[in-house]
Protein backbone atom coordinates (compact mmCIF):
# COMPACT_ATOMS: atom_id res chain seq x y z
CA ARG A 1 143.70 178.26 52.28
CA ILE A 2 141.74 181.38 53.29
CA PHE A 3 140.93 184.11 50.79
CA PRO A 4 139.31 187.52 51.37
CA GLY A 5 135.55 187.35 51.07
CA ASP A 6 135.25 183.64 51.89
CA ASP A 7 132.71 182.50 54.53
CA TRP A 8 133.98 180.06 57.16
CA TYR A 9 131.88 178.32 59.81
CA ILE A 10 133.02 176.42 62.88
CA GLY A 11 131.25 173.20 63.82
CA PHE A 12 131.02 172.02 67.43
CA HIS A 13 129.37 169.37 69.59
CA ILE A 14 128.72 169.87 73.33
CA ASN A 15 127.97 167.10 75.84
CA ALA A 16 126.86 167.56 79.46
CA THR A 17 128.58 165.32 82.02
CA ASN A 18 125.27 164.67 83.83
CA GLY A 19 123.43 163.56 80.70
CA ASN A 20 121.21 166.65 80.54
CA MET A 21 120.95 168.83 77.45
CA ALA A 22 123.86 171.20 77.21
CA TRP A 23 122.68 173.83 74.79
CA ILE A 24 120.87 176.28 77.09
CA ASP A 25 122.95 179.15 78.47
CA GLU A 26 121.65 181.18 81.42
CA GLY A 27 123.99 184.09 80.75
CA PRO A 28 123.29 187.18 78.67
CA ARG A 29 123.01 186.71 74.94
CA ILE A 30 125.69 188.24 72.74
CA ALA A 31 124.47 189.21 69.28
CA GLY A 32 126.15 187.32 66.45
CA LYS A 33 127.67 184.68 68.73
CA GLY A 34 124.71 182.41 69.32
CA ALA A 35 123.85 179.05 67.71
CA TRP A 36 123.34 178.90 63.95
CA LEU A 37 121.42 176.55 61.67
CA ARG A 38 121.96 176.08 57.93
CA ILE A 39 119.00 175.07 55.74
CA ILE A 40 119.36 177.15 52.57
CA SER A 41 121.34 179.93 54.21
CA TRP A 42 122.81 180.47 57.67
CA LEU A 43 120.21 181.58 60.25
CA GLU A 44 120.80 182.48 63.88
CA TYR A 45 118.46 180.85 66.41
CA PRO A 46 115.98 183.32 67.99
CA ASP A 47 117.00 184.75 71.35
CA PHE A 48 113.92 183.48 73.28
CA ASN A 49 115.71 180.12 73.65
CA ASP A 50 118.90 181.92 74.68
CA PHE A 51 121.17 179.76 72.52
CA ASN A 52 124.40 181.54 73.34
CA PHE A 53 127.63 179.59 72.97
CA CYS A 54 129.79 182.71 72.69
CA ILE A 55 132.09 181.03 70.17
CA GLU A 56 134.12 183.23 67.87
CA GLY A 57 136.52 181.95 65.19
CA ILE A 58 139.87 183.69 64.97
CA PHE A 59 142.17 182.83 62.07
CA ILE A 60 145.90 183.23 62.49
CA THR A 61 147.56 183.71 59.12
CA GLN A 62 150.96 182.29 58.25
CA ASN A 63 153.17 182.65 55.22
CA TYR A 64 153.05 179.65 52.90
CA ALA A 65 154.73 178.71 49.66
CA GLU A 66 153.46 177.03 46.50
CA ILE A 67 155.01 174.21 44.48
CA SER A 68 153.44 173.72 41.06
CA GLY A 69 154.01 172.02 37.74
CA SER A 70 152.53 169.65 35.21
CA ILE A 71 151.85 165.90 35.12
CA ALA A 72 152.50 163.86 31.98
CA TYR A 73 150.97 160.41 31.44
CA THR A 74 152.08 157.70 29.00
CA SER A 75 148.34 157.10 28.51
CA GLN A 76 145.26 158.14 30.43
CA HIS A 77 143.02 155.60 32.15
CA GLY A 78 140.27 156.25 34.69
CA ASP A 79 139.64 159.54 36.47
CA MET A 80 142.85 161.52 36.13
CA MET A 81 141.70 163.80 38.97
CA ASP A 82 142.58 160.86 41.24
CA THR A 83 146.25 161.70 40.77
CA THR A 84 147.69 162.62 44.17
CA ILE A 85 150.66 164.90 44.79
CA ARG A 86 151.95 164.50 48.33
CA SER A 87 154.79 165.42 50.67
CA GLY A 88 154.31 164.38 54.28
CA VAL A 89 151.11 165.95 55.61
CA TYR A 90 150.68 168.15 52.54
CA GLU A 91 148.54 166.80 49.72
CA THR A 92 146.75 168.02 46.62
CA HIS A 93 145.27 166.59 43.42
CA ARG A 94 145.63 167.17 39.73
CA CYS A 95 143.77 170.20 38.40
CA SER A 96 142.36 170.66 34.92
CA GLY A 97 144.97 170.82 32.20
CA ASN A 98 147.25 168.23 33.87
CA THR A 99 148.60 170.76 36.35
CA TYR A 100 148.83 170.87 40.14
CA THR A 101 149.59 173.30 42.96
CA LEU A 102 150.81 172.08 46.36
CA THR A 103 150.68 174.59 49.24
CA VAL A 104 153.30 174.02 51.95
CA LYS A 105 155.12 175.82 54.73
CA PRO A 106 158.61 177.14 53.93
CA GLY A 107 161.14 174.30 53.99
CA SER A 108 162.58 171.40 51.99
CA TYR A 109 160.35 168.63 50.63
CA ASP A 110 160.42 165.33 48.78
CA VAL A 111 157.29 165.39 46.60
CA THR A 112 155.67 162.36 44.97
CA ALA A 113 152.96 162.11 42.31
CA SER A 114 150.99 158.86 42.25
CA LYS A 115 147.88 157.28 40.76
CA HIS A 116 146.41 153.80 40.93
CA ASP A 117 147.85 151.54 38.19
CA TYR A 118 150.64 154.02 37.42
CA ILE A 119 154.32 154.05 38.36
CA SER A 120 154.76 156.99 40.71
CA ASP A 121 157.32 159.75 40.16
CA SER A 122 159.21 161.77 42.77
CA ILE A 123 161.26 164.95 43.03
CA ASP A 124 163.49 165.13 46.10
CA GLY A 125 164.91 168.16 47.88
CA ILE A 126 162.52 170.88 46.68
CA THR A 127 163.20 173.96 48.82
CA VAL A 128 160.82 176.92 49.08
CA THR A 129 160.79 180.13 51.12
CA ALA A 130 157.83 182.06 52.58
CA GLY A 131 155.61 183.44 49.84
CA GLU A 132 157.55 181.74 47.03
CA GLN A 133 155.68 180.32 44.05
CA LEU A 134 157.97 177.64 42.62
CA THR A 135 156.94 176.43 39.16
CA GLY A 136 158.27 173.85 36.72
CA GLN A 137 158.21 170.88 39.13
CA ASP A 138 156.92 168.39 36.58
CA PHE A 139 156.09 164.68 36.94
CA SER A 140 155.75 161.78 34.50
CA LEU A 141 153.56 158.76 35.32
CA THR A 142 153.81 155.47 33.43
CA TYR A 143 150.70 153.31 33.10
CA ILE A 144 151.17 149.72 34.32
CA GLY A 145 147.56 148.60 34.68
CA THR A 146 147.81 146.28 31.69
CA PRO A 147 151.20 144.53 31.67
CA VAL A 148 152.71 143.46 28.36
CA THR A 149 151.48 140.12 27.03
CA ASP A 150 154.24 139.60 24.45
CA GLU A 151 157.65 138.52 25.68
CA THR A 152 159.37 140.94 23.35
CA VAL A 153 158.35 144.41 22.21
CA PRO A 154 158.77 144.62 18.41
CA GLY A 155 161.98 146.40 17.47
CA SER A 156 163.20 146.34 21.06
CA VAL A 157 166.53 144.93 22.27
CA ILE A 158 164.97 143.73 25.52
CA THR A 159 162.87 140.71 26.38
CA LEU A 160 161.09 140.45 29.75
CA LEU A 161 159.99 136.95 30.79
CA ASN A 162 157.42 135.88 33.37
CA ASN A 163 158.81 135.57 36.88
CA TYR A 164 158.97 132.09 38.37
CA PRO A 165 157.38 130.95 40.60
CA ASN A 166 154.29 133.11 40.44
CA PRO A 167 152.56 133.37 42.90
CA PHE A 168 155.63 133.24 45.10
CA ASN A 169 156.71 133.09 48.75
CA PRO A 170 159.24 134.13 49.86
CA GLU A 171 161.21 134.74 46.65
CA THR A 172 160.94 134.61 42.87
CA CYS A 173 163.27 134.88 39.87
CA ILE A 174 162.94 137.53 37.18
CA ASN A 175 164.59 136.84 33.82
CA PHE A 176 165.27 139.18 30.93
CA LYS A 177 167.27 139.10 27.72
CA LEU A 178 169.31 141.75 25.92
CA SER A 179 170.41 141.57 22.30
CA GLU A 180 173.16 144.07 23.05
CA GLN A 181 174.70 145.81 26.04
CA ALA A 182 172.36 148.29 27.71
CA THR A 183 171.81 150.21 30.94
CA VAL A 184 168.86 148.56 32.64
CA SER A 185 166.70 149.52 35.59
CA LEU A 186 164.56 146.83 37.20
CA SER A 187 162.14 148.03 39.90
CA ILE A 188 159.25 146.58 41.92
CA TYR A 189 156.02 148.56 42.43
CA ASN A 190 152.96 147.95 44.59
CA ILE A 191 149.37 148.17 43.35
CA LYS A 192 149.34 151.93 44.12
CA GLY A 193 152.25 152.48 41.74
CA GLU A 194 154.69 153.22 44.57
CA LYS A 195 158.21 151.89 44.08
CA VAL A 196 159.08 149.51 46.91
CA ARG A 197 162.32 147.95 45.65
CA GLN A 198 165.11 148.75 43.22
CA LEU A 199 166.59 145.44 42.07
CA ALA A 200 169.03 146.78 39.49
CA ASN A 201 170.19 150.00 37.87
CA SER A 202 173.39 149.37 35.93
CA LYS A 203 174.86 148.18 32.64
CA PHE A 204 174.23 144.60 31.55
CA SER A 205 175.93 142.70 28.75
CA SER A 206 174.02 141.04 25.93
CA GLY A 207 172.42 137.71 26.75
CA GLU A 208 170.08 136.34 29.40
CA HIS A 209 170.10 137.61 32.99
CA LYS A 210 168.36 136.47 36.17
CA LEU A 211 167.62 138.53 39.29
CA THR A 212 166.06 137.27 42.51
CA PHE A 213 163.40 139.20 44.40
CA ASN A 214 163.06 138.13 48.04
CA GLY A 215 159.84 139.97 48.92
CA LEU A 216 161.60 142.72 50.89
CA SER A 217 161.45 146.48 50.39
CA ASP A 218 164.50 148.68 49.93
CA SER A 219 164.50 149.25 53.69
CA GLY A 220 164.52 145.50 54.36
CA LYS A 221 160.89 145.33 55.49
CA ALA A 222 158.87 142.26 54.49
CA LEU A 223 156.16 143.23 52.00
CA SER A 224 152.57 142.19 52.55
CA SER A 225 150.68 139.74 50.36
CA GLY A 226 149.23 141.24 47.19
CA ILE A 227 149.76 142.18 43.56
CA TYR A 228 153.05 143.76 42.54
CA PHE A 229 154.55 144.87 39.23
CA TYR A 230 158.12 144.59 38.03
CA ALA A 231 159.21 147.13 35.46
CA LEU A 232 162.25 146.82 33.22
CA LYS A 233 163.49 150.10 31.72
CA THR A 234 166.14 151.02 29.20
CA ALA A 235 166.79 154.41 27.62
CA ASP A 236 163.76 154.14 25.32
CA LYS A 237 161.66 151.17 26.44
CA THR A 238 159.66 150.15 29.49
CA LEU A 239 158.22 146.65 29.98
CA THR A 240 156.07 145.61 32.93
CA ARG A 241 154.66 142.35 34.23
CA LYS A 242 152.47 141.40 37.17
CA MET A 243 153.32 139.02 40.00
CA ILE A 244 151.62 137.93 43.21
CA LEU A 245 153.18 137.64 46.63
CA MET A 246 151.13 135.08 48.57
CA LYS A 247 151.95 134.31 52.18
């Protein structure tokens, strides 16, 4: 973004096709458009060498919009400034105070917040017009860097077991138990915290259940070897475990 009063400098590199030096210009020198050097401050080369590239930067302004909000974390680990908020070619990072501002062109966007070792969160279909400052687009990131070690969370109605086999190729079974009927979401995430597969999102009866993960993404693409997490969610609990896809 360009603000009034900011200094902007254009870098360039010139090569001669015949291998000779390409920085001497035989034409007349134009003040303020010669070659510059920065040591402590910007200095223009003296005119006795006739450094005269005649390059002038012209900025073309365009209306943009802003999408902003807050980012909540279940717990904070590492440098929280590493949180990335992205939509296509547009990207920004968390600011102080767990907030962010993403500058985009007018249009409709699916925006995702992600951080290493966290389950990413997305908001789809955000629409902004030229000059609009849309606030209240908030994200929540769940830490999965240290999966649960106990099979059952105390007081919980859900039990998440280790997948088998692990490591696996091409598929593995994920088992969980419910002491009563509950709506359950079971998702697979990569090491970046990006969701790659939704295995289940529906009501399950009490008892033990088994789901098979075949190493494919939601789009049917074969996933690469590496560490993945499977997260089991109910209305008030989230359990995660780690598994390894090894080809």
